[in-house]
């Protein structure tokens, strides 16, 4: 019995309780800057050494550094025939006060067309905010 109580006691001490409000606000800001075509604000969401990976439905993953990724996003907006808006539908967040992983299901609207997909983020605490150090995403 003593070993069991010691085990339970040590387990409860390792649980980190965190308020996800700041993380959710950061992710909302990420989506709103992209939708507003604010590429400076959007780019500021990322750590300078971030990696971004797109996973197509079939074929190999496409991995990019931040500069190439931001350029591709800017070009996508410029070449779109109608404004594109992306909004988060569901967020699942886990982690601690240093590193967080978030899974966000989103909806992309391009005129009358709506698509869904999922982003897998790894976020790193930088001062009072978060920075994206890894993003893996795909469309459904």
N, C-alpha and C. Protein backbone atom coordinates (compact mmCIF):
# COMPACT_ATOMS: atom_id res chain seq x y z
N UNK A 1 0.82 -1.19 0.00
CA UNK A 1 0.00 0.00 0.00
C UNK A 1 0.87 1.25 0.00
N UNK A 2 1.94 1.25 0.78
CA UNK A 2 2.83 2.41 0.86
C UNK A 2 3.42 2.74 -0.52
N UNK A 3 3.82 1.70 -1.27
CA UNK A 3 4.39 1.92 -2.61
C UNK A 3 3.33 2.52 -3.54
N UNK A 4 2.10 2.05 -3.42
CA UNK A 4 1.03 2.56 -4.27
C UNK A 4 0.78 4.04 -3.99
N UNK A 5 0.73 4.42 -2.71
CA UNK A 5 0.51 5.83 -2.36
C UNK A 5 1.67 6.70 -2.83
N UNK A 6 2.88 6.19 -2.70
CA UNK A 6 4.04 6.92 -3.16
C UNK A 6 3.98 7.12 -4.68
N UNK A 7 3.58 6.07 -5.40
CA UNK A 7 3.45 6.15 -6.86
C UNK A 7 2.39 7.17 -7.27
N UNK A 8 1.23 7.10 -6.65
CA UNK A 8 0.15 8.03 -6.96
C UNK A 8 0.57 9.46 -6.62
N UNK A 9 1.23 9.63 -5.50
CA UNK A 9 1.68 10.95 -5.09
C UNK A 9 2.67 11.52 -6.10
N UNK A 10 3.62 10.70 -6.54
CA UNK A 10 4.61 11.20 -7.49
C UNK A 10 3.99 11.47 -8.85
N UNK A 11 2.98 10.72 -9.24
CA UNK A 11 2.31 10.97 -10.52
C UNK A 11 1.58 12.30 -10.50
N UNK A 12 0.90 12.58 -9.42
CA UNK A 12 0.11 13.81 -9.36
C UNK A 12 1.01 15.04 -9.36
N UNK A 13 2.24 14.93 -8.92
CA UNK A 13 3.14 16.07 -8.91
C UNK A 13 3.66 16.40 -10.31
N UNK A 14 3.64 15.44 -11.22
CA UNK A 14 4.19 15.69 -12.54
C UNK A 14 3.16 16.28 -13.52
N UNK A 15 1.92 16.37 -13.11
CA UNK A 15 0.88 16.92 -13.98
C UNK A 15 0.99 18.44 -13.99
N UNK A 16 1.03 19.02 -15.17
CA UNK A 16 1.11 20.47 -15.32
C UNK A 16 -0.25 20.99 -15.74
N UNK A 17 -0.80 21.88 -14.96
CA UNK A 17 -2.07 22.51 -15.31
C UNK A 17 -1.75 23.83 -15.99
N UNK A 18 -2.34 24.04 -17.14
CA UNK A 18 -2.05 25.20 -17.94
C UNK A 18 -3.33 25.81 -18.45
N UNK A 19 -3.32 27.11 -18.59
CA UNK A 19 -4.44 27.81 -19.20
C UNK A 19 -4.15 27.93 -20.70
N UNK A 20 -5.01 27.36 -21.54
CA UNK A 20 -4.81 27.36 -22.99
C UNK A 20 -5.28 28.65 -23.66
N UNK A 21 -5.77 29.61 -22.89
CA UNK A 21 -6.33 30.83 -23.47
C UNK A 21 -5.32 31.55 -24.36
N UNK A 22 -4.09 31.72 -23.87
CA UNK A 22 -3.06 32.41 -24.64
C UNK A 22 -2.68 31.65 -25.90
N UNK A 23 -2.65 30.33 -25.81
CA UNK A 23 -2.31 29.50 -26.97
C UNK A 23 -3.42 29.61 -28.01
N UNK A 24 -4.65 29.53 -27.56
CA UNK A 24 -5.78 29.66 -28.49
C UNK A 24 -5.79 31.04 -29.15
N UNK A 25 -5.52 32.07 -28.38
CA UNK A 25 -5.48 33.43 -28.93
C UNK A 25 -4.36 33.55 -29.97
N UNK A 26 -3.21 32.94 -29.71
CA UNK A 26 -2.12 32.95 -30.67
C UNK A 26 -2.53 32.26 -31.97
N UNK A 27 -3.15 31.10 -31.86
CA UNK A 27 -3.57 30.36 -33.05
C UNK A 27 -4.66 31.11 -33.82
N UNK A 28 -5.58 31.74 -33.12
CA UNK A 28 -6.60 32.57 -33.79
C UNK A 28 -5.93 33.71 -34.55
N UNK A 29 -4.92 34.33 -33.93
CA UNK A 29 -4.18 35.41 -34.58
C UNK A 29 -3.48 34.89 -35.84
N UNK A 30 -2.89 33.71 -35.75
CA UNK A 30 -2.22 33.08 -36.90
C UNK A 30 -3.19 32.98 -38.09
N UNK A 31 -4.39 32.44 -37.84
CA UNK A 31 -5.37 32.28 -38.93
C UNK A 31 -5.89 33.63 -39.42
N UNK A 32 -6.10 34.57 -38.53
CA UNK A 32 -6.66 35.86 -38.95
C UNK A 32 -5.65 36.66 -39.78
N UNK A 33 -4.36 36.59 -39.44
CA UNK A 33 -3.38 37.31 -40.24
C UNK A 33 -3.27 36.72 -41.64
N UNK A 34 -3.33 35.40 -41.76
CA UNK A 34 -3.28 34.77 -43.08
C UNK A 34 -4.50 35.21 -43.90
N UNK A 35 -5.67 35.16 -43.29
CA UNK A 35 -6.90 35.52 -44.00
C UNK A 35 -6.91 36.98 -44.42
N UNK A 36 -6.30 37.84 -43.63
CA UNK A 36 -6.23 39.28 -43.94
C UNK A 36 -5.09 39.59 -44.91
N UNK A 37 -4.37 38.57 -45.35
CA UNK A 37 -3.21 38.73 -46.23
C UNK A 37 -2.14 39.61 -45.60
N UNK A 38 -2.09 39.59 -44.27
CA UNK A 38 -1.07 40.33 -43.52
C UNK A 38 0.15 39.40 -43.38
N UNK A 39 0.97 39.36 -44.43
CA UNK A 39 2.09 38.41 -44.45
C UNK A 39 3.17 38.77 -43.44
N UNK A 40 3.29 40.05 -43.06
CA UNK A 40 4.25 40.41 -42.01
C UNK A 40 3.78 39.87 -40.66
N UNK A 41 2.51 40.08 -40.36
CA UNK A 41 1.95 39.54 -39.11
C UNK A 41 1.95 38.03 -39.09
N UNK A 42 1.63 37.44 -40.24
CA UNK A 42 1.63 35.98 -40.37
C UNK A 42 3.04 35.44 -40.16
N UNK A 43 4.02 36.05 -40.82
CA UNK A 43 5.40 35.60 -40.68
C UNK A 43 5.92 35.73 -39.27
N UNK A 44 5.45 36.74 -38.54
CA UNK A 44 5.89 36.95 -37.16
C UNK A 44 5.42 35.84 -36.22
N UNK A 45 4.48 35.02 -36.66
CA UNK A 45 4.01 33.90 -35.84
C UNK A 45 5.03 32.76 -35.80
N UNK A 46 5.99 32.78 -36.72
CA UNK A 46 6.94 31.68 -36.86
C UNK A 46 8.29 32.00 -36.23
N UNK A 47 8.94 30.99 -35.71
CA UNK A 47 10.33 31.07 -35.29
C UNK A 47 11.17 31.14 -36.57
N UNK A 48 12.26 31.90 -36.60
CA UNK A 48 13.07 32.02 -37.82
C UNK A 48 13.57 30.68 -38.38
N UNK A 49 13.73 29.68 -37.54
CA UNK A 49 14.23 28.38 -38.00
C UNK A 49 13.12 27.36 -38.22
N UNK A 50 11.89 27.82 -38.31
CA UNK A 50 10.74 26.91 -38.45
C UNK A 50 10.84 26.08 -39.72
N UNK A 51 10.29 24.87 -39.65
CA UNK A 51 10.12 24.00 -40.82
C UNK A 51 8.64 23.82 -41.04
N UNK A 52 8.25 23.85 -42.30
CA UNK A 52 6.85 23.68 -42.66
C UNK A 52 6.78 22.53 -43.66
N UNK A 53 5.88 21.59 -43.40
CA UNK A 53 5.75 20.41 -44.25
C UNK A 53 4.31 20.28 -44.70
N UNK A 54 4.13 20.19 -46.02
CA UNK A 54 2.82 19.92 -46.60
C UNK A 54 2.77 18.45 -46.98
N UNK A 55 1.71 17.78 -46.56
CA UNK A 55 1.53 16.37 -46.88
C UNK A 55 0.37 16.24 -47.87
N UNK A 56 0.69 16.05 -49.17
CA UNK A 56 -0.39 15.87 -50.14
C UNK A 56 -1.12 14.54 -49.92
N UNK A 57 -2.29 14.41 -50.51
CA UNK A 57 -3.08 13.18 -50.36
C UNK A 57 -2.29 11.97 -50.83
N UNK A 58 -1.50 12.14 -51.87
CA UNK A 58 -0.64 11.07 -52.36
C UNK A 58 0.73 11.66 -52.67
N UNK A 59 1.74 10.86 -52.53
CA UNK A 59 3.07 11.33 -52.88
C UNK A 59 3.87 11.77 -51.67
N UNK A 60 5.04 12.28 -51.97
CA UNK A 60 5.99 12.67 -50.93
C UNK A 60 5.62 13.99 -50.27
N UNK A 61 6.04 14.13 -49.04
CA UNK A 61 5.87 15.38 -48.32
C UNK A 61 6.71 16.46 -48.98
N UNK A 62 6.26 17.70 -48.84
CA UNK A 62 7.00 18.86 -49.33
C UNK A 62 7.42 19.67 -48.12
N UNK A 63 8.73 19.77 -47.90
CA UNK A 63 9.27 20.46 -46.74
C UNK A 63 9.91 21.78 -47.17
N UNK A 64 9.62 22.85 -46.42
CA UNK A 64 10.16 24.16 -46.75
C UNK A 64 10.66 24.86 -45.50
N UNK A 65 11.65 25.71 -45.69
CA UNK A 65 12.05 26.64 -44.66
C UNK A 65 11.09 27.82 -44.65
N UNK A 66 11.24 28.69 -43.70
CA UNK A 66 10.28 29.78 -43.50
C UNK A 66 10.21 30.74 -44.69
N UNK A 67 11.35 31.15 -45.23
CA UNK A 67 11.35 32.13 -46.32
C UNK A 67 10.58 31.61 -47.53
N UNK A 68 10.87 30.38 -47.94
CA UNK A 68 10.18 29.81 -49.10
C UNK A 68 8.69 29.62 -48.83
N UNK A 69 8.35 29.18 -47.63
CA UNK A 69 6.95 28.97 -47.29
C UNK A 69 6.18 30.29 -47.32
N UNK A 70 6.73 31.32 -46.70
CA UNK A 70 6.03 32.61 -46.68
C UNK A 70 5.87 33.16 -48.10
N UNK A 71 6.87 32.98 -48.93
CA UNK A 71 6.75 33.41 -50.33
C UNK A 71 5.62 32.66 -51.03
N UNK A 72 5.54 31.36 -50.81
CA UNK A 72 4.47 30.57 -51.45
C UNK A 72 3.09 31.01 -50.98
N UNK A 73 2.96 31.39 -49.72
CA UNK A 73 1.67 31.85 -49.21
C UNK A 73 1.30 33.21 -49.79
N UNK A 74 2.29 34.08 -49.91
CA UNK A 74 2.05 35.39 -50.51
C UNK A 74 1.62 35.23 -51.97
N UNK A 75 2.29 34.35 -52.70
CA UNK A 75 1.94 34.11 -54.10
C UNK A 75 0.55 33.48 -54.23
N UNK A 76 0.20 32.58 -53.32
CA UNK A 76 -1.13 31.96 -53.36
C UNK A 76 -2.21 33.03 -53.24
N UNK A 77 -2.02 33.98 -52.33
CA UNK A 77 -3.00 35.06 -52.18
C UNK A 77 -3.03 35.94 -53.43
N UNK A 78 -1.88 36.28 -53.95
CA UNK A 78 -1.82 37.16 -55.13
C UNK A 78 -2.45 36.52 -56.36
N UNK A 79 -2.31 35.21 -56.50
CA UNK A 79 -2.80 34.52 -57.68
C UNK A 79 -4.23 34.02 -57.55
N UNK A 80 -4.80 34.13 -56.36
CA UNK A 80 -6.18 33.67 -56.14
C UNK A 80 -7.16 34.57 -56.88
N UNK A 81 -8.14 33.95 -57.53
CA UNK A 81 -9.14 34.73 -58.26
C UNK A 81 -10.19 35.34 -57.33
N UNK A 82 -10.35 34.76 -56.15
CA UNK A 82 -11.23 35.32 -55.11
C UNK A 82 -10.46 35.29 -53.80
N UNK A 83 -10.78 36.22 -52.88
CA UNK A 83 -10.07 36.23 -51.60
C UNK A 83 -10.23 34.89 -50.85
N UNK A 84 -9.16 34.47 -50.21
CA UNK A 84 -9.18 33.23 -49.43
C UNK A 84 -9.23 33.57 -47.95
N UNK A 85 -10.06 32.85 -47.24
CA UNK A 85 -10.19 33.01 -45.79
C UNK A 85 -10.08 31.64 -45.15
N UNK A 86 -9.35 31.57 -44.06
CA UNK A 86 -9.19 30.30 -43.35
C UNK A 86 -9.56 30.52 -41.90
N UNK A 87 -10.38 29.62 -41.37
CA UNK A 87 -10.78 29.78 -39.97
C UNK A 87 -10.66 28.43 -39.25
N UNK A 88 -10.22 28.49 -38.00
CA UNK A 88 -10.12 27.25 -37.23
C UNK A 88 -11.51 26.77 -36.81
N UNK A 89 -11.71 25.46 -36.87
CA UNK A 89 -12.97 24.86 -36.44
C UNK A 89 -12.85 24.19 -35.09
N UNK A 90 -11.72 23.53 -34.87
CA UNK A 90 -11.50 22.79 -33.62
C UNK A 90 -10.02 22.83 -33.28
N UNK A 91 -9.72 23.00 -31.98
CA UNK A 91 -8.33 23.02 -31.51
C UNK A 91 -8.16 22.02 -30.39
N UNK A 92 -7.12 21.21 -30.50
CA UNK A 92 -6.71 20.30 -29.43
C UNK A 92 -5.30 20.70 -29.05
N UNK A 93 -5.10 21.05 -27.78
CA UNK A 93 -3.82 21.60 -27.33
C UNK A 93 -3.31 20.80 -26.15
N UNK A 94 -2.02 20.47 -26.21
CA UNK A 94 -1.38 19.80 -25.06
C UNK A 94 0.05 20.30 -24.94
N UNK A 95 0.56 20.28 -23.74
CA UNK A 95 1.94 20.69 -23.53
C UNK A 95 2.11 21.34 -22.17
N UNK A 96 3.15 22.14 -22.07
CA UNK A 96 3.41 22.82 -20.82
C UNK A 96 3.69 24.29 -21.12
N UNK A 97 4.37 24.97 -20.24
CA UNK A 97 4.61 26.40 -20.43
C UNK A 97 5.81 26.71 -21.31
N UNK A 98 6.50 25.66 -21.80
CA UNK A 98 7.66 25.86 -22.68
C UNK A 98 7.36 25.45 -24.12
N UNK A 99 6.71 24.30 -24.28
CA UNK A 99 6.43 23.75 -25.61
C UNK A 99 5.00 23.22 -25.62
N UNK A 100 4.31 23.49 -26.73
CA UNK A 100 2.92 23.06 -26.89
C UNK A 100 2.78 22.40 -28.26
N UNK A 101 1.96 21.37 -28.31
CA UNK A 101 1.56 20.79 -29.58
C UNK A 101 0.07 21.05 -29.74
N UNK A 102 -0.31 21.47 -30.93
CA UNK A 102 -1.72 21.78 -31.19
C UNK A 102 -2.13 21.16 -32.51
N UNK A 103 -3.32 20.60 -32.53
CA UNK A 103 -3.92 20.06 -33.75
C UNK A 103 -5.15 20.92 -34.02
N UNK A 104 -5.16 21.55 -35.20
CA UNK A 104 -6.25 22.47 -35.53
C UNK A 104 -6.88 22.03 -36.84
N UNK A 105 -8.17 21.72 -36.77
CA UNK A 105 -8.95 21.46 -37.98
C UNK A 105 -9.46 22.81 -38.47
N UNK A 106 -9.32 23.06 -39.77
CA UNK A 106 -9.68 24.36 -40.33
C UNK A 106 -10.55 24.22 -41.56
N UNK A 107 -11.16 25.36 -41.90
CA UNK A 107 -11.96 25.44 -43.12
C UNK A 107 -11.43 26.61 -43.94
N UNK A 108 -11.13 26.33 -45.21
CA UNK A 108 -10.65 27.33 -46.14
C UNK A 108 -11.78 27.67 -47.10
N UNK A 109 -12.09 28.96 -47.22
CA UNK A 109 -13.12 29.42 -48.15
C UNK A 109 -12.46 30.19 -49.28
N UNK A 110 -12.74 29.75 -50.51
CA UNK A 110 -12.26 30.43 -51.73
C UNK A 110 -13.49 30.69 -52.57
N UNK A 111 -14.12 31.86 -52.35
CA UNK A 111 -15.38 32.14 -53.04
C UNK A 111 -16.43 31.13 -52.59
N UNK A 112 -17.06 30.43 -53.53
CA UNK A 112 -18.09 29.46 -53.15
C UNK A 112 -17.52 28.09 -52.72
N UNK A 113 -16.21 27.93 -52.87
CA UNK A 113 -15.58 26.64 -52.55
C UNK A 113 -15.10 26.63 -51.11
N UNK A 114 -15.42 25.54 -50.41
CA UNK A 114 -14.94 25.35 -49.04
C UNK A 114 -14.18 24.04 -48.96
N UNK A 115 -13.02 24.10 -48.33
CA UNK A 115 -12.19 22.92 -48.13
C UNK A 115 -11.84 22.84 -46.66
N UNK A 116 -11.58 21.62 -46.21
CA UNK A 116 -11.13 21.42 -44.83
C UNK A 116 -9.77 20.78 -44.82
N UNK A 117 -9.09 20.97 -43.72
CA UNK A 117 -7.79 20.36 -43.54
C UNK A 117 -7.39 20.40 -42.08
N UNK A 118 -6.16 20.00 -41.82
CA UNK A 118 -5.66 19.94 -40.45
C UNK A 118 -4.23 20.45 -40.41
N UNK A 119 -3.93 21.25 -39.40
CA UNK A 119 -2.58 21.72 -39.11
C UNK A 119 -2.11 21.07 -37.82
N UNK A 120 -0.87 20.61 -37.81
CA UNK A 120 -0.22 20.07 -36.62
C UNK A 120 0.92 21.02 -36.28
N UNK A 121 0.77 21.75 -35.19
CA UNK A 121 1.76 22.75 -34.77
C UNK A 121 2.61 22.24 -33.61
N UNK A 122 3.87 22.63 -33.61
CA UNK A 122 4.68 22.60 -32.41
C UNK A 122 5.06 24.04 -32.14
N UNK A 123 4.68 24.53 -30.97
CA UNK A 123 4.91 25.91 -30.58
C UNK A 123 5.94 25.98 -29.46
N UNK A 124 6.77 27.01 -29.50
CA UNK A 124 7.81 27.24 -28.50
C UNK A 124 7.54 28.58 -27.84
N UNK A 125 7.63 28.61 -26.52
CA UNK A 125 7.44 29.87 -25.79
C UNK A 125 8.63 30.79 -26.05
N UNK A 126 8.32 32.03 -26.41
CA UNK A 126 9.34 33.07 -26.59
C UNK A 126 8.87 34.30 -25.83
N UNK A 127 9.39 34.49 -24.66
CA UNK A 127 8.95 35.61 -23.82
C UNK A 127 7.51 35.42 -23.40
N UNK A 128 6.64 36.32 -23.83
CA UNK A 128 5.23 36.24 -23.43
C UNK A 128 4.34 35.67 -24.52
N UNK A 129 4.94 35.24 -25.63
CA UNK A 129 4.13 34.72 -26.73
C UNK A 129 4.66 33.36 -27.18
N UNK A 130 4.03 32.83 -28.20
CA UNK A 130 4.43 31.56 -28.81
C UNK A 130 5.01 31.81 -30.18
N UNK A 131 5.87 30.91 -30.64
CA UNK A 131 6.39 30.92 -32.01
C UNK A 131 6.24 29.51 -32.56
N UNK A 132 5.87 29.41 -33.81
CA UNK A 132 5.74 28.12 -34.48
C UNK A 132 7.13 27.65 -34.87
N UNK A 133 7.52 26.48 -34.38
CA UNK A 133 8.82 25.92 -34.79
C UNK A 133 8.63 24.78 -35.77
N UNK A 134 7.41 24.24 -35.84
CA UNK A 134 7.12 23.17 -36.78
C UNK A 134 5.64 23.22 -37.13
N UNK A 135 5.36 23.08 -38.42
CA UNK A 135 3.97 23.00 -38.90
C UNK A 135 3.91 21.91 -39.96
N UNK A 136 3.04 20.94 -39.75
CA UNK A 136 2.74 19.92 -40.74
C UNK A 136 1.26 20.06 -41.05
N UNK A 137 0.91 20.14 -42.35
CA UNK A 137 -0.50 20.35 -42.67
C UNK A 137 -0.91 19.57 -43.92
N UNK A 138 -2.21 19.34 -44.02
CA UNK A 138 -2.78 18.69 -45.21
C UNK A 138 -4.21 19.15 -45.36
N UNK A 139 -4.71 19.03 -46.58
CA UNK A 139 -6.13 19.29 -46.88
C UNK A 139 -6.85 17.97 -47.04
N UNK A 140 -8.10 17.95 -46.67
CA UNK A 140 -8.89 16.72 -46.77
C UNK A 140 -9.33 16.47 -48.21
